[in-house]
Amino acid sequence: MTEPRLFGEPHETSDGTTVITVTSPPGVFVIREGAAKWEPAVDATRVAVLAVSTGLVAATLGALAVLHRPPWPDLRRSR
């Protein structure tokens, strides 16, 4: 077989659900009670937590950079 396979072999679970793996995009088709549903392999909650954490770290580092006094001497002119 020289052509790439996009769909895997169907697997039936003990409750009668059929699961078919898909390689492009990654995920599975779940067939339950005659209705097919796409289940992506990416966990959206994990992606959202990573994005919020990255934003929090960036905001903290930005605030520290603005509030921290620079290491060079103050160059203000006094009268």
PDB file of N, CA and C in Angstrom:
ATOM      1  N   MET A   1       0.853  -1.181   0.000  1.00  0.00           N
ATOM      2  CA  MET A   1       0.000   0.000   0.000  1.00  0.00           C
ATOM      3  C   MET A   1       0.893   1.237   0.000  1.00  0.00           C
ATOM      4  N   THR A   2       0.813   2.032  -1.061  1.00  0.00           N
ATOM      5  CA  THR A   2       1.664   3.208  -1.193  1.00  0.00           C
ATOM      6  C   THR A   2       0.966   4.498  -0.795  1.00  0.00           C
ATOM      7  N   GLU A   3      -0.344   4.503  -0.700  1.00  0.00           N
ATOM      8  CA  GLU A   3      -1.073   5.717  -0.339  1.00  0.00           C
ATOM      9  C   GLU A   3      -1.143   5.856   1.181  1.00  0.00           C
ATOM     10  N   PRO A   4      -1.006   7.086   1.697  1.00  0.00           N
ATOM     11  CA  PRO A   4      -1.113   7.271   3.141  1.00  0.00           C
ATOM     12  C   PRO A   4      -2.554   7.057   3.612  1.00  0.00           C
ATOM     13  N   ARG A   5      -2.679   6.502   4.805  1.00  0.00           N
ATOM     14  CA  ARG A   5      -4.005   6.265   5.368  1.00  0.00           C
ATOM     15  C   ARG A   5      -4.390   7.415   6.278  1.00  0.00           C
ATOM     16  N   LEU A   6      -5.561   7.955   6.066  1.00  0.00           N
ATOM     17  CA  LEU A   6      -6.064   9.032   6.920  1.00  0.00           C
ATOM     18  C   LEU A   6      -6.924   8.500   8.048  1.00  0.00           C
ATOM     19  N   PHE A   7      -7.583   7.373   7.813  1.00  0.00           N
ATOM     20  CA  PHE A   7      -8.481   6.804   8.813  1.00  0.00           C
ATOM     21  C   PHE A   7      -7.922   5.467   9.286  1.00  0.00           C
ATOM     22  N   GLY A   8      -8.006   5.240  10.600  1.00  0.00           N
ATOM     23  CA  GLY A   8      -7.580   3.967  11.157  1.00  0.00           C
ATOM     24  C   GLY A   8      -8.703   2.954  11.110  1.00  0.00           C
ATOM     25  N   GLU A   9      -8.420   1.772  11.610  1.00  0.00           N
ATOM     26  CA  GLU A   9      -9.432   0.718  11.681  1.00  0.00           C
ATOM     27  C   GLU A   9     -10.466   1.078  12.745  1.00  0.00           C
ATOM     28  N   PRO A  10     -11.742   0.809  12.507  1.00  0.00           N
ATOM     29  CA  PRO A  10     -12.758   1.086  13.530  1.00  0.00           C
ATOM     30  C   PRO A  10     -12.615   0.129  14.710  1.00  0.00           C
ATOM     31  N   HIS A  11     -12.783   0.681  15.914  1.00  0.00           N
ATOM     32  CA  HIS A  11     -12.739  -0.103  17.146  1.00  0.00           C
ATOM     33  C   HIS A  11     -14.070   0.051  17.861  1.00  0.00           C
ATOM     34  N   GLU A  12     -14.642  -1.058  18.293  1.00  0.00           N
ATOM     35  CA  GLU A  12     -15.912  -1.005  19.010  1.00  0.00           C
ATOM     36  C   GLU A  12     -15.658  -1.235  20.496  1.00  0.00           C
ATOM     37  N   THR A  13     -16.213  -0.331  21.336  1.00  0.00           N
ATOM     38  CA  THR A  13     -16.044  -0.444  22.778  1.00  0.00           C
ATOM     39  C   THR A  13     -17.132  -1.338  23.353  1.00  0.00           C
ATOM     40  N   SER A  14     -17.037  -1.600  24.658  1.00  0.00           N
ATOM     41  CA  SER A  14     -17.982  -2.514  25.299  1.00  0.00           C
ATOM     42  C   SER A  14     -19.407  -1.954  25.340  1.00  0.00           C
ATOM     43  N   ASP A  15     -19.558  -0.620  25.297  1.00  0.00           N
ATOM     44  CA  ASP A  15     -20.907  -0.041  25.340  1.00  0.00           C
ATOM     45  C   ASP A  15     -21.513   0.144  23.946  1.00  0.00           C
ATOM     46  N   GLY A  16     -20.847  -0.365  22.900  1.00  0.00           N
ATOM     47  CA  GLY A  16     -21.388  -0.290  21.556  1.00  0.00           C
ATOM     48  C   GLY A  16     -20.946   0.921  20.763  1.00  0.00           C
ATOM     49  N   THR A  17     -20.069   1.751  21.325  1.00  0.00           N
ATOM     50  CA  THR A  17     -19.561   2.923  20.633  1.00  0.00           C
ATOM     51  C   THR A  17     -18.448   2.507  19.680  1.00  0.00           C
ATOM     52  N   THR A  18     -18.480   3.029  18.463  1.00  0.00           N
ATOM     53  CA  THR A  18     -17.429   2.765  17.491  1.00  0.00           C
ATOM     54  C   THR A  18     -16.516   3.977  17.419  1.00  0.00           C
ATOM     55  N   VAL A  19     -15.194   3.763  17.507  1.00  0.00           N
ATOM     56  CA  VAL A  19     -14.206   4.830  17.470  1.00  0.00           C
ATOM     57  C   VAL A  19     -13.314   4.610  16.252  1.00  0.00           C
ATOM     58  N   ILE A  20     -13.166   5.662  15.414  1.00  0.00           N
ATOM     59  CA  ILE A  20     -12.321   5.612  14.224  1.00  0.00           C
ATOM     60  C   ILE A  20     -11.283   6.719  14.357  1.00  0.00           C
ATOM     61  N   THR A  21     -10.005   6.353  14.402  1.00  0.00           N
ATOM     62  CA  THR A  21      -8.949   7.359  14.519  1.00  0.00           C
ATOM     63  C   THR A  21      -8.717   8.044  13.178  1.00  0.00           C
ATOM     64  N   VAL A  22      -8.307   9.320  13.244  1.00  0.00           N
ATOM     65  CA  VAL A  22      -8.055  10.119  12.051  1.00  0.00           C
ATOM     66  C   VAL A  22      -6.692  10.782  12.219  1.00  0.00           C
ATOM     67  N   THR A  23      -5.879  10.813  11.152  1.00  0.00           N
ATOM     68  CA  THR A  23      -4.536  11.393  11.270  1.00  0.00           C
ATOM     69  C   THR A  23      -4.449  12.833  10.794  1.00  0.00           C
ATOM     70  N   SER A  24      -5.425  13.353  10.062  1.00  0.00           N
ATOM     71  CA  SER A  24      -5.329  14.717   9.534  1.00  0.00           C
ATOM     72  C   SER A  24      -6.682  15.387   9.594  1.00  0.00           C
ATOM     73  N   PRO A  25      -6.952  16.309  10.474  1.00  0.00           N
ATOM     74  CA  PRO A  25      -6.227  16.684  11.675  1.00  0.00           C
ATOM     75  C   PRO A  25      -6.388  15.607  12.747  1.00  0.00           C
ATOM     76  N   PRO A  26      -5.500  15.554  13.734  1.00  0.00           N
ATOM     77  CA  PRO A  26      -5.548  14.482  14.730  1.00  0.00           C
ATOM     78  C   PRO A  26      -6.839  14.514  15.549  1.00  0.00           C
ATOM     79  N   GLY A  27      -7.418  13.369  15.715  1.00  0.00           N
ATOM     80  CA  GLY A  27      -8.637  13.238  16.504  1.00  0.00           C
ATOM     81  C   GLY A  27      -9.299  11.911  16.206  1.00  0.00           C
ATOM     82  N   VAL A  28     -10.540  11.775  16.633  1.00  0.00           N
ATOM     83  CA  VAL A  28     -11.288  10.541  16.400  1.00  0.00           C
ATOM     84  C   VAL A  28     -12.737  10.885  16.050  1.00  0.00           C
ATOM     85  N   PHE A  29     -13.342  10.029  15.235  1.00  0.00           N
ATOM     86  CA  PHE A  29     -14.779  10.065  15.039  1.00  0.00           C
ATOM     87  C   PHE A  29     -15.381   9.069  16.010  1.00  0.00           C
ATOM     88  N   VAL A  30     -16.367   9.501  16.775  1.00  0.00           N
ATOM     89  CA  VAL A  30     -17.061   8.623  17.704  1.00  0.00           C
ATOM     90  C   VAL A  30     -18.474   8.420  17.166  1.00  0.00           C
ATOM     91  N   ILE A  31     -18.842   7.177  16.950  1.00  0.00           N
ATOM     92  CA  ILE A  31     -20.179   6.855  16.448  1.00  0.00           C
ATOM     93  C   ILE A  31     -20.937   6.185  17.587  1.00  0.00           C
ATOM     94  N   ARG A  32     -21.948   6.877  18.080  1.00  0.00           N
ATOM     95  CA  ARG A  32     -22.734   6.377  19.205  1.00  0.00           C
ATOM     96  C   ARG A  32     -24.206   6.537  18.859  1.00  0.00           C
ATOM     97  N   GLU A  33     -24.944   5.460  18.945  1.00  0.00           N
ATOM     98  CA  GLU A  33     -26.387   5.441  18.687  1.00  0.00           C
ATOM     99  C   GLU A  33     -26.720   6.021  17.314  1.00  0.00           C
ATOM    100  N   GLY A  34     -25.886   5.704  16.313  1.00  0.00           N
ATOM    101  CA  GLY A  34     -26.151   6.134  14.945  1.00  0.00           C
ATOM    102  C   GLY A  34     -25.732   7.555  14.625  1.00  0.00           C
ATOM    103  N   ALA A  35     -25.195   8.293  15.595  1.00  0.00           N
ATOM    104  CA  ALA A  35     -24.767   9.675  15.373  1.00  0.00           C
ATOM    105  C   ALA A  35     -23.248   9.752  15.453  1.00  0.00           C
ATOM    106  N   ALA A  36     -22.631  10.375  14.446  1.00  0.00           N
ATOM    107  CA  ALA A  36     -21.177  10.535  14.418  1.00  0.00           C
ATOM    108  C   ALA A  36     -20.808  11.897  15.007  1.00  0.00           C
ATOM    109  N   LYS A  37     -19.749  11.907  15.822  1.00  0.00           N
ATOM    110  CA  LYS A  37     -19.289  13.146  16.453  1.00  0.00           C
ATOM    111  C   LYS A  37     -17.770  13.200  16.350  1.00  0.00           C
ATOM    112  N   TRP A  38     -17.236  14.376  15.986  1.00  0.00           N
ATOM    113  CA  TRP A  38     -15.787  14.569  15.895  1.00  0.00           C
ATOM    114  C   TRP A  38     -15.244  14.960  17.259  1.00  0.00           C
ATOM    115  N   GLU A  39     -14.209  14.263  17.723  1.00  0.00           N
ATOM    116  CA  GLU A  39     -13.540  14.576  18.989  1.00  0.00           C
ATOM    117  C   GLU A  39     -12.091  14.937  18.670  1.00  0.00           C
ATOM    118  N   PRO A  40     -11.707  16.218  18.771  1.00  0.00           N
ATOM    119  CA  PRO A  40     -10.321  16.580  18.469  1.00  0.00           C
ATOM    120  C   PRO A  40      -9.371  16.024  19.523  1.00  0.00           C
ATOM    121  N   ALA A  41      -8.125  15.777  19.121  1.00  0.00           N
ATOM    122  CA  ALA A  41      -7.126  15.244  20.036  1.00  0.00           C
ATOM    123  C   ALA A  41      -6.525  16.332  20.915  1.00  0.00           C
ATOM    124  N   VAL A  42      -6.799  17.592  20.606  1.00  0.00           N
ATOM    125  CA  VAL A  42      -6.255  18.717  21.370  1.00  0.00           C
ATOM    126  C   VAL A  42      -7.209  19.048  22.512  1.00  0.00           C
ATOM    127  N   ASP A  43      -6.653  19.198  23.707  1.00  0.00           N
ATOM    128  CA  ASP A  43      -7.459  19.577  24.868  1.00  0.00           C
ATOM    129  C   ASP A  43      -7.507  21.106  24.938  1.00  0.00           C
ATOM    130  N   ALA A  44      -8.664  21.690  24.651  1.00  0.00           N
ATOM    131  CA  ALA A  44      -8.802  23.149  24.600  1.00  0.00           C
ATOM    132  C   ALA A  44      -8.564  23.787  25.968  1.00  0.00           C
ATOM    133  N   THR A  45      -8.900  23.100  27.034  1.00  0.00           N
ATOM    134  CA  THR A  45      -8.677  23.646  28.379  1.00  0.00           C
ATOM    135  C   THR A  45      -7.183  23.803  28.645  1.00  0.00           C
ATOM    136  N   ARG A  46      -6.404  22.825  28.254  1.00  0.00           N
ATOM    137  CA  ARG A  46      -4.956  22.902  28.466  1.00  0.00           C
ATOM    138  C   ARG A  46      -4.352  24.045  27.663  1.00  0.00           C
ATOM    139  N   VAL A  47      -4.806  24.248  26.440  1.00  0.00           N
ATOM    140  CA  VAL A  47      -4.312  25.349  25.605  1.00  0.00           C
ATOM    141  C   VAL A  47      -4.675  26.692  26.244  1.00  0.00           C
ATOM    142  N   ALA A  48      -5.885  26.822  26.773  1.00  0.00           N
ATOM    143  CA  ALA A  48      -6.313  28.074  27.405  1.00  0.00           C
ATOM    144  C   ALA A  48      -5.501  28.366  28.663  1.00  0.00           C
ATOM    145  N   VAL A  49      -5.252  27.353  29.473  1.00  0.00           N
ATOM    146  CA  VAL A  49      -4.453  27.549  30.694  1.00  0.00           C
ATOM    147  C   VAL A  49      -3.033  27.964  30.334  1.00  0.00           C
ATOM    148  N   LEU A  50      -2.455  27.361  29.306  1.00  0.00           N
ATOM    149  CA  LEU A  50      -1.113  27.734  28.869  1.00  0.00           C
ATOM    150  C   LEU A  50      -1.080  29.180  28.390  1.00  0.00           C
ATOM    151  N   ALA A  51      -2.098  29.606  27.646  1.00  0.00           N
ATOM    152  CA  ALA A  51      -2.144  30.984  27.150  1.00  0.00           C
ATOM    153  C   ALA A  51      -2.280  31.987  28.294  1.00  0.00           C
ATOM    154  N   VAL A  52      -3.135  31.698  29.259  1.00  0.00           N
ATOM    155  CA  VAL A  52      -3.313  32.602  30.398  1.00  0.00           C
ATOM    156  C   VAL A  52      -2.043  32.654  31.234  1.00  0.00           C
ATOM    157  N   SER A  53      -1.394  31.517  31.436  1.00  0.00           N
ATOM    158  CA  SER A  53      -0.144  31.487  32.209  1.00  0.00           C
ATOM    159  C   SER A  53       0.955  32.277  31.515  1.00  0.00           C
ATOM    160  N   THR A  54       1.053  32.147  30.204  1.00  0.00           N
ATOM    161  CA  THR A  54       2.055  32.900  29.447  1.00  0.00           C
ATOM    162  C   THR A  54       1.798  34.397  29.554  1.00  0.00           C
ATOM    163  N   GLY A  55       0.544  34.803  29.466  1.00  0.00           N
ATOM    164  CA  GLY A  55       0.205  36.219  29.612  1.00  0.00           C
ATOM    165  C   GLY A  55       0.523  36.749  30.998  1.00  0.00           C
ATOM    166  N   LEU A  56       0.255  35.940  32.017  1.00  0.00           N
ATOM    167  CA  LEU A  56       0.545  36.353  33.393  1.00  0.00           C
ATOM    168  C   LEU A  56       2.042  36.523  33.607  1.00  0.00           C
ATOM    169  N   VAL A  57       2.836  35.587  33.112  1.00  0.00           N
ATOM    170  CA  VAL A  57       4.291  35.693  33.247  1.00  0.00           C
ATOM    171  C   VAL A  57       4.806  36.909  32.490  1.00  0.00           C
ATOM    172  N   ALA A  58       4.298  37.154  31.287  1.00  0.00           N
ATOM    173  CA  ALA A  58       4.739  38.309  30.501  1.00  0.00           C
ATOM    174  C   ALA A  58       4.375  39.624  31.192  1.00  0.00           C
ATOM    175  N   ALA A  59       3.177  39.698  31.761  1.00  0.00           N
ATOM    176  CA  ALA A  59       2.763  40.919  32.462  1.00  0.00           C
ATOM    177  C   ALA A  59       3.609  41.144  33.716  1.00  0.00           C
ATOM    178  N   THR A  60       3.907  40.079  34.443  1.00  0.00           N
ATOM    179  CA  THR A  60       4.734  40.201  35.648  1.00  0.00           C
ATOM    180  C   THR A  60       6.143  40.665  35.296  1.00  0.00           C
ATOM    181  N   LEU A  61       6.746  40.048  34.273  1.00  0.00           N
ATOM    182  CA  LEU A  61       8.091  40.467  33.868  1.00  0.00           C
ATOM    183  C   LEU A  61       8.098  41.897  33.343  1.00  0.00           C
ATOM    184  N   GLY A  62       7.067  42.293  32.618  1.00  0.00           N
ATOM    185  CA  GLY A  62       6.971  43.665  32.124  1.00  0.00           C
ATOM    186  C   GLY A  62       6.841  44.666  33.256  1.00  0.00           C
ATOM    187  N   ALA A  63       6.022  44.348  34.245  1.00  0.00           N
ATOM    188  CA  ALA A  63       5.856  45.248  35.393  1.00  0.00           C
ATOM    189  C   ALA A  63       7.159  45.357  36.187  1.00  0.00           C
ATOM    190  N   LEU A  64       7.848  44.248  36.367  1.00  0.00           N
ATOM    191  CA  LEU A  64       9.123  44.290  37.090  1.00  0.00           C
ATOM    192  C   LEU A  64      10.157  45.116  36.328  1.00  0.00           C
ATOM    193  N   ALA A  65      10.167  45.025  35.012  1.00  0.00           N
ATOM    194  CA  ALA A  65      11.119  45.791  34.214  1.00  0.00           C
ATOM    195  C   ALA A  65      10.837  47.288  34.302  1.00  0.00           C
ATOM    196  N   VAL A  66       9.573  47.666  34.354  1.00  0.00           N
ATOM    197  CA  VAL A  66       9.219  49.087  34.435  1.00  0.00           C
ATOM    198  C   VAL A  66       9.463  49.637  35.831  1.00  0.00           C
ATOM    199  N   LEU A  67       9.153  48.857  36.859  1.00  0.00           N
ATOM    200  CA  LEU A  67       9.255  49.350  38.229  1.00  0.00           C
ATOM    201  C   LEU A  67      10.668  49.263  38.799  1.00  0.00           C
ATOM    202  N   HIS A  68      11.488  48.411  38.259  1.00  0.00           N
ATOM    203  CA  HIS A  68      12.849  48.236  38.779  1.00  0.00           C
ATOM    204  C   HIS A  68      13.730  49.393  38.334  1.00  0.00           C
ATOM    205  N   ARG A  69      14.487  49.937  39.254  1.00  0.00           N
ATOM    206  CA  ARG A  69      15.390  51.038  38.931  1.00  0.00           C
ATOM    207  C   ARG A  69      16.556  50.504  38.111  1.00  0.00           C
ATOM    208  N   PRO A  70      16.942  51.209  37.044  1.00  0.00           N
ATOM    209  CA  PRO A  70      18.057  50.722  36.219  1.00  0.00           C
ATOM    210  C   PRO A  70      19.373  50.729  36.998  1.00  0.00           C
ATOM    211  N   PRO A  71      20.324  49.897  36.593  1.00  0.00           N
ATOM    212  CA  PRO A  71      21.581  49.785  37.351  1.00  0.00           C
ATOM    213  C   PRO A  71      22.537  50.957  37.146  1.00  0.00           C
ATOM    214  N   TRP A  72      22.327  51.822  36.138  1.00  0.00           N
ATOM    215  CA  TRP A  72      23.228  52.941  35.928  1.00  0.00           C
ATOM    216  C   TRP A  72      22.831  54.126  36.821  1.00  0.00           C
ATOM    217  N   PRO A  73      23.715  55.083  37.040  1.00  0.00           N
ATOM    218  CA  PRO A  73      23.419  56.221  37.936  1.00  0.00           C
ATOM    219  C   PRO A  73      22.356  57.152  37.350  1.00  0.00           C
ATOM    220  N   ASP A  74      21.732  57.888  38.237  1.00  0.00           N
ATOM    221  CA  ASP A  74      20.709  58.836  37.834  1.00  0.00           C
ATOM    222  C   ASP A  74      21.382  60.010  37.107  1.00  0.00           C
ATOM    223  N   LEU A  75      20.935  60.347  35.922  1.00  0.00           N
ATOM    224  CA  LEU A  75      21.569  61.378  35.104  1.00  0.00           C
ATOM    225  C   LEU A  75      20.798  62.698  35.133  1.00  0.00           C
ATOM    226  N   ARG A  76      19.964  62.899  36.138  1.00  0.00           N
ATOM    227  CA  ARG A  76      19.232  64.171  36.226  1.00  0.00           C
ATOM    228  C   ARG A  76      20.172  65.310  36.578  1.00  0.00           C
ATOM    229  N   ARG A  77      19.869  66.452  36.036  1.00  0.00           N
ATOM    230  CA  ARG A  77      20.679  67.634  36.298  1.00  0.00           C
ATOM    231  C   ARG A  77      20.093  68.379  37.478  1.00  0.00           C
ATOM    232  N   SER A  78      20.878  68.673  38.469  1.00  0.00           N
ATOM    233  CA  SER A  78      20.388  69.391  39.646  1.00  0.00           C
ATOM    234  C   SER A  78      20.860  70.841  39.578  1.00  0.00           C
ATOM    235  N   ARG A  79      20.051  71.753  40.129  1.00  0.00           N
ATOM    236  CA  ARG A  79      20.396  73.174  40.124  1.00  0.00           C
ATOM    237  C   ARG A  79      20.936  73.605  41.420  1.00  0.00           C
TER     238      ARG A  79
END
